[in-house]
PDB file of N, CA and C in Angstrom:
ATOM      1  N   UNK A   1     -18.645  80.407  10.145  1.00  0.00           N
ATOM      2  CA  UNK A   1     -19.577  79.584   9.397  1.00  0.00           C
ATOM      3  C   UNK A   1     -20.116  78.471  10.302  1.00  0.00           C
ATOM      4  N   UNK A   2     -21.408  78.233  10.209  1.00  0.00           N
ATOM      5  CA  UNK A   2     -22.037  77.207  11.027  1.00  0.00           C
ATOM      6  C   UNK A   2     -21.818  75.853  10.382  1.00  0.00           C
ATOM      7  N   UNK A   3     -21.383  74.902  11.182  1.00  0.00           N
ATOM      8  CA  UNK A   3     -21.062  73.579  10.656  1.00  0.00           C
ATOM      9  C   UNK A   3     -22.190  72.607  10.967  1.00  0.00           C
ATOM     10  N   UNK A   4     -22.803  72.083   9.911  1.00  0.00           N
ATOM     11  CA  UNK A   4     -23.901  71.130  10.054  1.00  0.00           C
ATOM     12  C   UNK A   4     -23.373  69.793  10.558  1.00  0.00           C
ATOM     13  N   UNK A   5     -24.138  69.171  11.466  1.00  0.00           N
ATOM     14  CA  UNK A   5     -23.771  67.876  12.037  1.00  0.00           C
ATOM     15  C   UNK A   5     -24.975  66.942  11.983  1.00  0.00           C
ATOM     16  N   UNK A   6     -24.700  65.649  11.945  1.00  0.00           N
ATOM     17  CA  UNK A   6     -25.760  64.654  12.076  1.00  0.00           C
ATOM     18  C   UNK A   6     -26.125  64.580  13.554  1.00  0.00           C
ATOM     19  N   UNK A   7     -27.398  64.735  13.865  1.00  0.00           N
ATOM     20  CA  UNK A   7     -27.836  64.683  15.262  1.00  0.00           C
ATOM     21  C   UNK A   7     -28.182  63.246  15.620  1.00  0.00           C
ATOM     22  N   UNK A   8     -27.641  62.737  16.718  1.00  0.00           N
ATOM     23  CA  UNK A   8     -27.903  61.344  17.104  1.00  0.00           C
ATOM     24  C   UNK A   8     -29.273  61.196  17.768  1.00  0.00           C
ATOM     25  N   UNK A   9     -30.292  60.957  16.946  1.00  0.00           N
ATOM     26  CA  UNK A   9     -31.639  60.785  17.483  1.00  0.00           C
ATOM     27  C   UNK A   9     -31.927  59.319  17.745  1.00  0.00           C
ATOM     28  N   UNK A  10     -32.661  59.063  18.811  1.00  0.00           N
ATOM     29  CA  UNK A  10     -33.086  57.705  19.136  1.00  0.00           C
ATOM     30  C   UNK A  10     -34.494  57.495  18.585  1.00  0.00           C
ATOM     31  N   UNK A  11     -35.001  56.286  18.717  1.00  0.00           N
ATOM     32  CA  UNK A  11     -36.359  55.979  18.308  1.00  0.00           C
ATOM     33  C   UNK A  11     -37.308  56.914  19.053  1.00  0.00           C
ATOM     34  N   UNK A  12     -38.148  57.595  18.322  1.00  0.00           N
ATOM     35  CA  UNK A  12     -39.057  58.546  18.943  1.00  0.00           C
ATOM     36  C   UNK A  12     -38.598  59.984  18.832  1.00  0.00           C
ATOM     37  N   UNK A  13     -37.430  60.224  18.241  1.00  0.00           N
ATOM     38  CA  UNK A  13     -36.961  61.586  18.018  1.00  0.00           C
ATOM     39  C   UNK A  13     -36.245  62.240  19.175  1.00  0.00           C
ATOM     40  N   UNK A  14     -35.806  61.450  20.170  1.00  0.00           N
ATOM     41  CA  UNK A  14     -35.083  62.007  21.312  1.00  0.00           C
ATOM     42  C   UNK A  14     -33.603  62.139  20.978  1.00  0.00           C
ATOM     43  N   UNK A  15     -32.970  63.180  21.509  1.00  0.00           N
ATOM     44  CA  UNK A  15     -31.541  63.359  21.337  1.00  0.00           C
ATOM     45  C   UNK A  15     -30.820  62.368  22.240  1.00  0.00           C
ATOM     46  N   UNK A  16     -29.935  61.560  21.650  1.00  0.00           N
ATOM     47  CA  UNK A  16     -29.206  60.559  22.434  1.00  0.00           C
ATOM     48  C   UNK A  16     -28.447  61.263  23.556  1.00  0.00           C
ATOM     49  N   UNK A  17     -28.553  60.706  24.743  1.00  0.00           N
ATOM     50  CA  UNK A  17     -27.937  61.246  25.960  1.00  0.00           C
ATOM     51  C   UNK A  17     -28.534  62.588  26.375  1.00  0.00           C
ATOM     52  N   UNK A  18     -29.669  62.968  25.790  1.00  0.00           N
ATOM     53  CA  UNK A  18     -30.361  64.191  26.186  1.00  0.00           C
ATOM     54  C   UNK A  18     -31.443  63.860  27.202  1.00  0.00           C
ATOM     55  N   UNK A  19     -32.189  64.866  27.583  1.00  0.00           N
ATOM     56  CA  UNK A  19     -33.277  64.643  28.526  1.00  0.00           C
ATOM     57  C   UNK A  19     -34.529  64.217  27.757  1.00  0.00           C
ATOM     58  N   UNK A  20     -35.505  63.685  28.484  1.00  0.00           N
ATOM     59  CA  UNK A  20     -36.744  63.235  27.843  1.00  0.00           C
ATOM     60  C   UNK A  20     -37.607  64.394  27.370  1.00  0.00           C
ATOM     61  N   UNK A  21     -37.251  65.602  27.747  1.00  0.00           N
ATOM     62  CA  UNK A  21     -38.013  66.763  27.283  1.00  0.00           C
ATOM     63  C   UNK A  21     -37.465  67.300  25.965  1.00  0.00           C
ATOM     64  N   UNK A  22     -36.302  66.817  25.531  1.00  0.00           N
ATOM     65  CA  UNK A  22     -35.699  67.260  24.275  1.00  0.00           C
ATOM     66  C   UNK A  22     -36.030  66.252  23.186  1.00  0.00           C
ATOM     67  N   UNK A  23     -36.906  66.661  22.257  1.00  0.00           N
ATOM     68  CA  UNK A  23     -37.412  65.723  21.255  1.00  0.00           C
ATOM     69  C   UNK A  23     -37.781  66.468  19.973  1.00  0.00           C
ATOM     70  N   UNK A  24     -37.511  65.832  18.833  1.00  0.00           N
ATOM     71  CA  UNK A  24     -38.010  66.303  17.548  1.00  0.00           C
ATOM     72  C   UNK A  24     -39.264  65.484  17.275  1.00  0.00           C
ATOM     73  N   UNK A  25     -40.384  66.154  17.075  1.00  0.00           N
ATOM     74  CA  UNK A  25     -41.647  65.443  16.897  1.00  0.00           C
ATOM     75  C   UNK A  25     -42.545  66.215  15.946  1.00  0.00           C
ATOM     76  N   UNK A  26     -43.657  65.627  15.578  1.00  0.00           N
ATOM     77  CA  UNK A  26     -44.560  66.329  14.687  1.00  0.00           C
ATOM     78  C   UNK A  26     -45.806  65.542  14.375  1.00  0.00           C
ATOM     79  N   UNK A  27     -46.575  66.103  13.464  1.00  0.00           N
ATOM     80  CA  UNK A  27     -47.786  65.469  12.954  1.00  0.00           C
ATOM     81  C   UNK A  27     -47.727  65.522  11.434  1.00  0.00           C
ATOM     82  N   UNK A  28     -48.202  64.455  10.787  1.00  0.00           N
ATOM     83  CA  UNK A  28     -48.195  64.391   9.326  1.00  0.00           C
ATOM     84  C   UNK A  28     -49.519  63.868   8.808  1.00  0.00           C
ATOM     85  N   UNK A  29     -49.887  64.325   7.652  1.00  0.00           N
ATOM     86  CA  UNK A  29     -51.058  63.836   6.936  1.00  0.00           C
ATOM     87  C   UNK A  29     -50.775  63.943   5.451  1.00  0.00           C
ATOM     88  N   UNK A  30     -51.735  63.548   4.645  1.00  0.00           N
ATOM     89  CA  UNK A  30     -51.525  63.574   3.197  1.00  0.00           C
ATOM     90  C   UNK A  30     -52.447  64.596   2.548  1.00  0.00           C
ATOM     91  N   UNK A  31     -52.121  64.916   1.307  1.00  0.00           N
ATOM     92  CA  UNK A  31     -53.028  65.729   0.516  1.00  0.00           C
ATOM     93  C   UNK A  31     -54.089  64.800  -0.076  1.00  0.00           C
ATOM     94  N   UNK A  32     -54.990  65.348  -0.886  1.00  0.00           N
ATOM     95  CA  UNK A  32     -56.091  64.536  -1.418  1.00  0.00           C
ATOM     96  C   UNK A  32     -55.619  63.452  -2.389  1.00  0.00           C
ATOM     97  N   UNK A  33     -54.448  63.621  -3.017  1.00  0.00           N
ATOM     98  CA  UNK A  33     -53.932  62.602  -3.938  1.00  0.00           C
ATOM     99  C   UNK A  33     -53.195  61.482  -3.208  1.00  0.00           C
ATOM    100  N   UNK A  34     -52.875  61.702  -1.944  1.00  0.00           N
ATOM    101  CA  UNK A  34     -52.169  60.748  -1.080  1.00  0.00           C
ATOM    102  C   UNK A  34     -50.737  60.458  -1.569  1.00  0.00           C
ATOM    103  N   UNK A  35     -50.167  61.393  -2.341  1.00  0.00           N
ATOM    104  CA  UNK A  35     -48.770  61.222  -2.743  1.00  0.00           C
ATOM    105  C   UNK A  35     -47.887  62.375  -2.257  1.00  0.00           C
ATOM    106  N   UNK A  36     -48.436  63.226  -1.401  1.00  0.00           N
ATOM    107  CA  UNK A  36     -47.690  64.305  -0.784  1.00  0.00           C
ATOM    108  C   UNK A  36     -47.910  64.222   0.719  1.00  0.00           C
ATOM    109  N   UNK A  37     -46.820  64.138   1.465  1.00  0.00           N
ATOM    110  CA  UNK A  37     -46.893  64.081   2.922  1.00  0.00           C
ATOM    111  C   UNK A  37     -46.669  65.492   3.457  1.00  0.00           C
ATOM    112  N   UNK A  38     -47.636  66.015   4.191  1.00  0.00           N
ATOM    113  CA  UNK A  38     -47.552  67.351   4.779  1.00  0.00           C
ATOM    114  C   UNK A  38     -47.385  67.206   6.287  1.00  0.00           C
ATOM    115  N   UNK A  39     -46.314  67.798   6.806  1.00  0.00           N
ATOM    116  CA  UNK A  39     -46.004  67.643   8.228  1.00  0.00           C
ATOM    117  C   UNK A  39     -45.758  68.995   8.883  1.00  0.00           C
ATOM    118  N   UNK A  40     -46.051  69.071  10.155  1.00  0.00           N
ATOM    119  CA  UNK A  40     -45.605  70.158  11.009  1.00  0.00           C
ATOM    120  C   UNK A  40     -44.625  69.526  11.982  1.00  0.00           C
ATOM    121  N   UNK A  41     -43.358  69.913  11.878  1.00  0.00           N
ATOM    122  CA  UNK A  41     -42.291  69.328  12.698  1.00  0.00           C
ATOM    123  C   UNK A  41     -41.871  70.345  13.755  1.00  0.00           C
ATOM    124  N   UNK A  42     -41.819  69.877  15.005  1.00  0.00           N
ATOM    125  CA  UNK A  42     -41.431  70.707  16.143  1.00  0.00           C
ATOM    126  C   UNK A  42     -40.019  70.357  16.580  1.00  0.00           C
ATOM    127  N   UNK A  43     -39.164  71.363  16.694  1.00  0.00           N
ATOM    128  CA  UNK A  43     -37.797  71.183  17.183  1.00  0.00           C
ATOM    129  C   UNK A  43     -37.773  71.453  18.681  1.00  0.00           C
ATOM    130  N   UNK A  44     -37.788  70.388  19.462  1.00  0.00           N
ATOM    131  CA  UNK A  44     -37.725  70.503  20.914  1.00  0.00           C
ATOM    132  C   UNK A  44     -36.313  70.382  21.461  1.00  0.00           C
ATOM    133  N   UNK A  45     -35.317  70.654  20.613  1.00  0.00           N
ATOM    134  CA  UNK A  45     -33.914  70.595  21.036  1.00  0.00           C
ATOM    135  C   UNK A  45     -33.422  72.027  21.248  1.00  0.00           C
ATOM    136  N   UNK A  46     -33.370  72.510  22.499  1.00  0.00           N
ATOM    137  CA  UNK A  46     -33.052  73.919  22.746  1.00  0.00           C
ATOM    138  C   UNK A  46     -31.656  74.341  22.304  1.00  0.00           C
ATOM    139  N   UNK A  47     -30.747  73.413  22.158  1.00  0.00           N
ATOM    140  CA  UNK A  47     -29.380  73.759  21.779  1.00  0.00           C
ATOM    141  C   UNK A  47     -29.067  73.606  20.307  1.00  0.00           C
ATOM    142  N   UNK A  48     -30.083  73.292  19.475  1.00  0.00           N
ATOM    143  CA  UNK A  48     -29.824  72.984  18.068  1.00  0.00           C
ATOM    144  C   UNK A  48     -30.828  73.663  17.129  1.00  0.00           C
ATOM    145  N   UNK A  49     -30.318  74.142  16.011  1.00  0.00           N
ATOM    146  CA  UNK A  49     -31.157  74.548  14.893  1.00  0.00           C
ATOM    147  C   UNK A  49     -31.119  73.402  13.896  1.00  0.00           C
ATOM    148  N   UNK A  50     -32.276  72.885  13.542  1.00  0.00           N
ATOM    149  CA  UNK A  50     -32.358  71.752  12.612  1.00  0.00           C
ATOM    150  C   UNK A  50     -32.326  72.281  11.183  1.00  0.00           C
ATOM    151  N   UNK A  51     -31.549  71.615  10.333  1.00  0.00           N
ATOM    152  CA  UNK A  51     -31.460  71.994   8.924  1.00  0.00           C
ATOM    153  C   UNK A  51     -32.069  70.937   8.000  1.00  0.00           C
ATOM    154  N   UNK A  52     -32.309  69.738   8.531  1.00  0.00           N
ATOM    155  CA  UNK A  52     -32.893  68.668   7.720  1.00  0.00           C
ATOM    156  C   UNK A  52     -33.448  67.593   8.639  1.00  0.00           C
ATOM    157  N   UNK A  53     -34.619  67.056   8.282  1.00  0.00           N
ATOM    158  CA  UNK A  53     -35.152  65.892   8.984  1.00  0.00           C
ATOM    159  C   UNK A  53     -35.262  64.748   7.987  1.00  0.00           C
ATOM    160  N   UNK A  54     -35.088  63.534   8.490  1.00  0.00           N
ATOM    161  CA  UNK A  54     -35.263  62.329   7.678  1.00  0.00           C
ATOM    162  C   UNK A  54     -36.500  61.614   8.185  1.00  0.00           C
ATOM    163  N   UNK A  55     -37.436  61.362   7.275  1.00  0.00           N
ATOM    164  CA  UNK A  55     -38.685  60.680   7.602  1.00  0.00           C
ATOM    165  C   UNK A  55     -38.678  59.296   6.973  1.00  0.00           C
ATOM    166  N   UNK A  56     -39.181  58.307   7.704  1.00  0.00           N
ATOM    167  CA  UNK A  56     -39.382  56.959   7.176  1.00  0.00           C
ATOM    168  C   UNK A  56     -40.883  56.764   7.007  1.00  0.00           C
ATOM    169  N   UNK A  57     -41.288  56.265   5.835  1.00  0.00           N
ATOM    170  CA  UNK A  57     -42.699  56.001   5.552  1.00  0.00           C
ATOM    171  C   UNK A  57     -42.833  54.523   5.201  1.00  0.00           C
ATOM    172  N   UNK A  58     -43.771  53.855   5.857  1.00  0.00           N
ATOM    173  CA  UNK A  58     -44.024  52.437   5.582  1.00  0.00           C
ATOM    174  C   UNK A  58     -45.512  52.241   5.298  1.00  0.00           C
ATOM    175  N   UNK A  59     -45.811  51.206   4.526  1.00  0.00           N
ATOM    176  CA  UNK A  59     -47.197  50.874   4.199  1.00  0.00           C
ATOM    177  C   UNK A  59     -47.498  49.451   4.635  1.00  0.00           C
ATOM    178  N   UNK A  60     -48.765  49.196   4.914  1.00  0.00           N
ATOM    179  CA  UNK A  60     -49.228  47.866   5.301  1.00  0.00           C
ATOM    180  C   UNK A  60     -49.213  46.955   4.079  1.00  0.00           C
ATOM    181  N   UNK A  61     -48.812  45.702   4.132  1.00  0.00           N
ATOM    182  CA  UNK A  61     -48.337  45.005   5.330  1.00  0.00           C
ATOM    183  C   UNK A  61     -46.915  45.435   5.660  1.00  0.00           C
ATOM    184  N   UNK A  62     -46.692  45.766   6.930  1.00  0.00           N
ATOM    185  CA  UNK A  62     -45.391  46.243   7.371  1.00  0.00           C
ATOM    186  C   UNK A  62     -44.407  45.082   7.371  1.00  0.00           C
ATOM    187  N   UNK A  63     -43.340  45.242   6.614  1.00  0.00           N
ATOM    188  CA  UNK A  63     -42.314  44.203   6.528  1.00  0.00           C
ATOM    189  C   UNK A  63     -40.962  44.824   6.831  1.00  0.00           C
ATOM    190  N   UNK A  64     -40.052  43.982   7.268  1.00  0.00           N
ATOM    191  CA  UNK A  64     -38.701  44.439   7.560  1.00  0.00           C
ATOM    192  C   UNK A  64     -38.079  45.017   6.296  1.00  0.00           C
ATOM    193  N   UNK A  65     -37.394  46.124   6.427  1.00  0.00           N
ATOM    194  CA  UNK A  65     -36.700  46.800   5.334  1.00  0.00           C
ATOM    195  C   UNK A  65     -37.633  47.300   4.237  1.00  0.00           C
ATOM    196  N   UNK A  66     -38.904  47.563   4.560  1.00  0.00           N
ATOM    197  CA  UNK A  66     -39.831  48.064   3.541  1.00  0.00           C
ATOM    198  C   UNK A  66     -40.035  49.580   3.611  1.00  0.00           C
ATOM    199  N   UNK A  67     -39.367  50.239   4.536  1.00  0.00           N
ATOM    200  CA  UNK A  67     -39.541  51.688   4.692  1.00  0.00           C
ATOM    201  C   UNK A  67     -38.850  52.428   3.550  1.00  0.00           C
ATOM    202  N   UNK A  68     -39.449  53.549   3.183  1.00  0.00           N
ATOM    203  CA  UNK A  68     -38.817  54.486   2.256  1.00  0.00           C
ATOM    204  C   UNK A  68     -38.393  55.695   3.075  1.00  0.00           C
ATOM    205  N   UNK A  69     -37.201  56.211   2.778  1.00  0.00           N
ATOM    206  CA  UNK A  69     -36.636  57.311   3.555  1.00  0.00           C
ATOM    207  C   UNK A  69     -36.602  58.586   2.714  1.00  0.00           C
ATOM    208  N   UNK A  70     -36.969  59.696   3.345  1.00  0.00           N
ATOM    209  CA  UNK A  70     -37.023  60.982   2.662  1.00  0.00           C
ATOM    210  C   UNK A  70     -36.302  62.025   3.500  1.00  0.00           C
ATOM    211  N   UNK A  71     -35.359  62.749   2.882  1.00  0.00           N
ATOM    212  CA  UNK A  71     -34.685  63.851   3.542  1.00  0.00           C
ATOM    213  C   UNK A  71     -35.434  65.130   3.172  1.00  0.00           C
ATOM    214  N   UNK A  72     -35.798  65.894   4.185  1.00  0.00           N
ATOM    215  CA  UNK A  72     -36.550  67.124   3.975  1.00  0.00           C
ATOM    216  C   UNK A  72     -35.763  68.299   4.548  1.00  0.00           C
ATOM    217  N   UNK A  73     -35.089  69.064   3.679  1.00  0.00           N
ATOM    218  CA  UNK A  73     -34.349  70.223   4.176  1.00  0.00           C
ATOM    219  C   UNK A  73     -35.309  71.325   4.623  1.00  0.00           C
ATOM    220  N   UNK A  74     -35.002  71.914   5.759  1.00  0.00           N
ATOM    221  CA  UNK A  74     -35.811  72.997   6.294  1.00  0.00           C
ATOM    222  C   UNK A  74     -35.091  73.550   7.515  1.00  0.00           C
ATOM    223  N   UNK A  75     -35.181  74.842   7.743  1.00  0.00           N
ATOM    224  CA  UNK A  75     -34.583  75.444   8.932  1.00  0.00           C
ATOM    225  C   UNK A  75     -35.660  75.495  10.012  1.00  0.00           C
ATOM    226  N   UNK A  76     -35.388  74.802  11.121  1.00  0.00           N
ATOM    227  CA  UNK A  76     -36.318  74.799  12.243  1.00  0.00           C
ATOM    228  C   UNK A  76     -35.534  75.229  13.487  1.00  0.00           C
ATOM    229  N   UNK A  77     -35.791  76.435  13.919  1.00  0.00           N
ATOM    230  CA  UNK A  77     -35.099  76.968  15.093  1.00  0.00           C
ATOM    231  C   UNK A  77     -35.575  76.241  16.349  1.00  0.00           C
ATOM    232  N   UNK A  78     -34.785  76.313  17.428  1.00  0.00           N
ATOM    233  CA  UNK A  78     -35.170  75.635  18.669  1.00  0.00           C
ATOM    234  C   UNK A  78     -36.541  76.082  19.170  1.00  0.00           C
ATOM    235  N   UNK A  79     -37.298  75.103  19.632  1.00  0.00           N
ATOM    236  CA  UNK A  79     -38.619  75.318  20.231  1.00  0.00           C
ATOM    237  C   UNK A  79     -39.582  76.056  19.306  1.00  0.00           C
ATOM    238  N   UNK A  80     -39.476  75.734  18.019  1.00  0.00           N
ATOM    239  CA  UNK A  80     -40.436  76.241  17.040  1.00  0.00           C
ATOM    240  C   UNK A  80     -40.840  75.090  16.123  1.00  0.00           C
ATOM    241  N   UNK A  81     -41.931  75.287  15.402  1.00  0.00           N
ATOM    242  CA  UNK A  81     -42.409  74.291  14.446  1.00  0.00           C
ATOM    243  C   UNK A  81     -42.403  74.912  13.056  1.00  0.00           C
ATOM    244  N   UNK A  82     -42.143  74.072  12.058  1.00  0.00           N
ATOM    245  CA  UNK A  82     -42.173  74.498  10.666  1.00  0.00           C
ATOM    246  C   UNK A  82     -42.916  73.462   9.846  1.00  0.00           C
ATOM    247  N   UNK A  83     -43.501  73.930   8.749  1.00  0.00           N
ATOM    248  CA  UNK A  83     -44.198  73.031   7.831  1.00  0.00           C
ATOM    249  C   UNK A  83     -43.176  72.380   6.902  1.00  0.00           C
ATOM    250  N   UNK A  84     -43.304  71.077   6.713  1.00  0.00           N
ATOM    251  CA  UNK A  84     -42.423  70.303   5.834  1.00  0.00           C
ATOM    252  C   UNK A  84     -43.308  69.478   4.910  1.00  0.00           C
ATOM    253  N   UNK A  85     -43.045  69.542   3.603  1.00  0.00           N
ATOM    254  CA  UNK A  85     -43.784  68.719   2.640  1.00  0.00           C
ATOM    255  C   UNK A  85     -42.810  67.820   1.900  1.00  0.00           C
ATOM    256  N   UNK A  86     -43.227  66.572   1.670  1.00  0.00           N
ATOM    257  CA  UNK A  86     -42.393  65.593   0.978  1.00  0.00           C
ATOM    258  C   UNK A  86     -43.221  64.946  -0.127  1.00  0.00           C
ATOM    259  N   UNK A  87     -42.723  65.017  -1.360  1.00  0.00           N
ATOM    260  CA  UNK A  87     -43.352  64.316  -2.476  1.00  0.00           C
ATOM    261  C   UNK A  87     -42.867  62.876  -2.410  1.00  0.00           C
ATOM    262  N   UNK A  88     -43.799  61.918  -2.291  1.00  0.00           N
ATOM    263  CA  UNK A  88     -43.460  60.534  -1.970  1.00  0.00           C
ATOM    264  C   UNK A  88     -43.040  59.679  -3.169  1.00  0.00           C
ATOM    265  N   UNK A  89     -43.515  59.979  -4.344  1.00  0.00           N
ATOM    266  CA  UNK A  89     -43.215  59.115  -5.485  1.00  0.00           C
ATOM    267  C   UNK A  89     -44.022  57.831  -5.452  1.00  0.00           C
ATOM    268  N   UNK A  90     -45.030  57.787  -4.618  1.00  0.00           N
ATOM    269  CA  UNK A  90     -45.963  56.659  -4.531  1.00  0.00           C
ATOM    270  C   UNK A  90     -47.251  57.200  -3.954  1.00  0.00           C
ATOM    271  N   UNK A  91     -48.307  56.432  -4.107  1.00  0.00           N
ATOM    272  CA  UNK A  91     -49.586  56.836  -3.538  1.00  0.00           C
ATOM    273  C   UNK A  91     -49.854  55.986  -2.309  1.00  0.00           C
ATOM    274  N   UNK A  92     -50.038  56.644  -1.170  1.00  0.00           N
ATOM    275  CA  UNK A  92     -50.325  55.917   0.066  1.00  0.00           C
ATOM    276  C   UNK A  92     -51.699  55.281  -0.023  1.00  0.00           C
ATOM    277  N   UNK A  93     -51.862  54.096   0.569  1.00  0.00           N
ATOM    278  CA  UNK A  93     -53.161  53.421   0.503  1.00  0.00           C
ATOM    279  C   UNK A  93     -54.227  54.168   1.294  1.00  0.00           C
ATOM    280  N   UNK A  94     -55.468  54.008   0.851  1.00  0.00           N
ATOM    281  CA  UNK A  94     -56.591  54.580   1.587  1.00  0.00           C
ATOM    282  C   UNK A  94     -56.716  53.892   2.933  1.00  0.00           C
ATOM    283  N   UNK A  95     -57.263  54.606   3.905  1.00  0.00           N
ATOM    284  CA  UNK A  95     -57.507  54.016   5.214  1.00  0.00           C
ATOM    285  C   UNK A  95     -58.628  52.993   5.118  1.00  0.00           C
ATOM    286  N   UNK A  96     -58.554  51.957   5.944  1.00  0.00           N
ATOM    287  CA  UNK A  96     -59.675  51.024   6.093  1.00  0.00           C
ATOM    288  C   UNK A  96     -60.721  51.706   6.951  1.00  0.00           C
ATOM    289  N   UNK A  97     -61.959  51.680   6.516  1.00  0.00           N
ATOM    290  CA  UNK A  97     -63.038  52.247   7.304  1.00  0.00           C
ATOM    291  C   UNK A  97     -63.980  51.112   7.666  1.00  0.00           C
ATOM    292  N   UNK A  98     -64.153  50.892   8.958  1.00  0.00           N
ATOM    293  CA  UNK A  98     -64.986  49.810   9.450  1.00  0.00           C
ATOM    294  C   UNK A  98     -66.238  50.381  10.100  1.00  0.00           C
ATOM    295  N   UNK A  99     -67.377  49.800   9.774  1.00  0.00           N
ATOM    296  CA  UNK A  99     -68.618  50.183  10.448  1.00  0.00           C
ATOM    297  C   UNK A  99     -68.888  49.144  11.522  1.00  0.00           C
ATOM    298  N   UNK A 100     -68.909  49.591  12.739  1.00  0.00           N
ATOM    299  CA  UNK A 100     -69.086  48.710  13.886  1.00  0.00           C
ATOM    300  C   UNK A 100     -70.560  48.660  14.276  1.00  0.00           C
ATOM    301  N   UNK A 101     -70.924  47.706  15.124  1.00  0.00           N
ATOM    302  CA  UNK A 101     -72.307  47.672  15.607  1.00  0.00           C
ATOM    303  C   UNK A 101     -72.703  49.024  16.215  1.00  0.00           C
ATOM    304  N   UNK A 102     -73.963  49.340  16.177  1.00  0.00           N
ATOM    305  CA  UNK A 102     -74.510  50.591  16.709  1.00  0.00           C
ATOM    306  C   UNK A 102     -74.093  51.801  15.872  1.00  0.00           C
ATOM    307  N   UNK A 103     -73.632  51.561  14.617  1.00  0.00           N
ATOM    308  CA  UNK A 103     -73.345  52.653  13.692  1.00  0.00           C
ATOM    309  C   UNK A 103     -72.038  53.383  13.896  1.00  0.00           C
ATOM    310  N   UNK A 104     -71.172  52.926  14.805  1.00  0.00           N
ATOM    311  CA  UNK A 104     -69.885  53.581  15.006  1.00  0.00           C
ATOM    312  C   UNK A 104     -68.976  53.273  13.817  1.00  0.00           C
ATOM    313  N   UNK A 105     -68.193  54.268  13.430  1.00  0.00           N
ATOM    314  CA  UNK A 105     -67.255  54.121  12.323  1.00  0.00           C
ATOM    315  C   UNK A 105     -65.837  54.251  12.880  1.00  0.00           C
ATOM    316  N   UNK A 106     -64.970  53.378  12.432  1.00  0.00           N
ATOM    317  CA  UNK A 106     -63.584  53.395  12.891  1.00  0.00           C
ATOM    318  C   UNK A 106     -62.678  53.326  11.669  1.00  0.00           C
ATOM    319  N   UNK A 107     -61.674  54.178  11.619  1.00  0.00           N
ATOM    320  CA  UNK A 107     -60.710  54.171  10.513  1.00  0.00           C
ATOM    321  C   UNK A 107     -59.381  53.604  11.009  1.00  0.00           C
ATOM    322  N   UNK A 108     -58.723  52.866  10.129  1.00  0.00           N
ATOM    323  CA  UNK A 108     -57.409  52.308  10.444  1.00  0.00           C
ATOM    324  C   UNK A 108     -56.467  52.692   9.315  1.00  0.00           C
ATOM    325  N   UNK A 109     -55.388  53.386   9.677  1.00  0.00           N
ATOM    326  CA  UNK A 109     -54.401  53.786   8.678  1.00  0.00           C
ATOM    327  C   UNK A 109     -53.613  52.566   8.217  1.00  0.00           C
ATOM    328  N   UNK A 110     -53.336  52.530   6.920  1.00  0.00           N
ATOM    329  CA  UNK A 110     -52.541  51.448   6.354  1.00  0.00           C
ATOM    330  C   UNK A 110     -51.145  51.938   5.983  1.00  0.00           C
ATOM    331  N   UNK A 111     -50.731  53.027   6.602  1.00  0.00           N
ATOM    332  CA  UNK A 111     -49.384  53.555   6.416  1.00  0.00           C
ATOM    333  C   UNK A 111     -48.983  54.270   7.708  1.00  0.00           C
ATOM    334  N   UNK A 112     -47.683  54.457   7.852  1.00  0.00           N
ATOM    335  CA  UNK A 112     -47.156  55.119   9.049  1.00  0.00           C
ATOM    336  C   UNK A 112     -45.922  55.929   8.670  1.00  0.00           C
ATOM    337  N   UNK A 113     -45.594  56.904   9.495  1.00  0.00           N
ATOM    338  CA  UNK A 113     -44.399  57.707   9.286  1.00  0.00           C
ATOM    339  C   UNK A 113     -43.682  57.854  10.621  1.00  0.00           C
ATOM    340  N   UNK A 114     -42.399  58.183  10.542  1.00  0.00           N
ATOM    341  CA  UNK A 114     -41.609  58.357  11.760  1.00  0.00           C
ATOM    342  C   UNK A 114     -40.396  59.226  11.441  1.00  0.00           C
ATOM    343  N   UNK A 115     -39.996  60.069  12.386  1.00  0.00           N
ATOM    344  CA  UNK A 115     -38.750  60.820  12.269  1.00  0.00           C
ATOM    345  C   UNK A 115     -37.620  59.877  12.666  1.00  0.00           C
ATOM    346  N   UNK A 116     -36.665  59.676  11.752  1.00  0.00           N
ATOM    347  CA  UNK A 116     -35.579  58.732  12.038  1.00  0.00           C
ATOM    348  C   UNK A 116     -34.200  59.390  12.023  1.00  0.00           C
ATOM    349  N   UNK A 117     -34.151  60.673  11.700  1.00  0.00           N
ATOM    350  CA  UNK A 117     -32.861  61.336  11.680  1.00  0.00           C
ATOM    351  C   UNK A 117     -33.014  62.832  11.517  1.00  0.00           C
ATOM    352  N   UNK A 118     -31.921  63.538  11.788  1.00  0.00           N
ATOM    353  CA  UNK A 118     -31.920  64.990  11.609  1.00  0.00           C
ATOM    354  C   UNK A 118     -30.475  65.471  11.502  1.00  0.00           C
ATOM    355  N   UNK A 119     -30.339  66.632  10.872  1.00  0.00           N
ATOM    356  CA  UNK A 119     -29.067  67.337  10.825  1.00  0.00           C
ATOM    357  C   UNK A 119     -29.302  68.730  11.364  1.00  0.00           C
ATOM    358  N   UNK A 120     -28.246  69.328  11.881  1.00  0.00           N
ATOM    359  CA  UNK A 120     -28.381  70.682  12.400  1.00  0.00           C
ATOM    360  C   UNK A 120     -27.058  71.243  12.853  1.00  0.00           C
ATOM    361  N   UNK A 121     -27.135  72.422  13.456  1.00  0.00           N
ATOM    362  CA  UNK A 121     -25.931  73.048  14.006  1.00  0.00           C
ATOM    363  C   UNK A 121     -26.260  73.625  15.380  1.00  0.00           C
ATOM    364  N   UNK A 122     -25.243  73.688  16.250  1.00  0.00           N
ATOM    365  CA  UNK A 122     -25.471  74.195  17.609  1.00  0.00           C
ATOM    366  C   UNK A 122     -25.876  75.675  17.587  1.00  0.00           C
ATOM    367  N   UNK A 123     -26.736  76.027  18.525  1.00  0.00           N
ATOM    368  CA  UNK A 123     -27.135  77.407  18.693  1.00  0.00           C
ATOM    369  C   UNK A 123     -25.973  78.154  19.346  1.00  0.00           C
ATOM    370  N   UNK A 124     -25.675  79.322  18.836  1.00  0.00           N
ATOM    371  CA  UNK A 124     -24.538  80.089  19.383  1.00  0.00           C
ATOM    372  C   UNK A 124     -24.990  81.008  20.485  1.00  0.00           C
TER     373      UNK A 124
END
């Protein structure tokens, strides 16, 4: 039986005491209601199969201890990506859209996400 372990990830999704090429990373966006976070998470840890990722979501104004944490169970084999969806229980704020001189438009997100933890088991 495979025994699940908490993986010691550092800020940025790196495996503690691992190389800089070993990282859990991804991209996330929202659905049209802005209450569902859709992510593609990449497991860059060649020695581990991930069984769960923990995501932290914060909204502007960013304050200490204001993050909400979500555990997302999913099997992500080494060096592969999987889709992960998280129902937030809140609606993320709309982006600020600024019109700059000369007609340029710039958007600024008022929320952020980060991978802050993972569980998994060693590859046999």
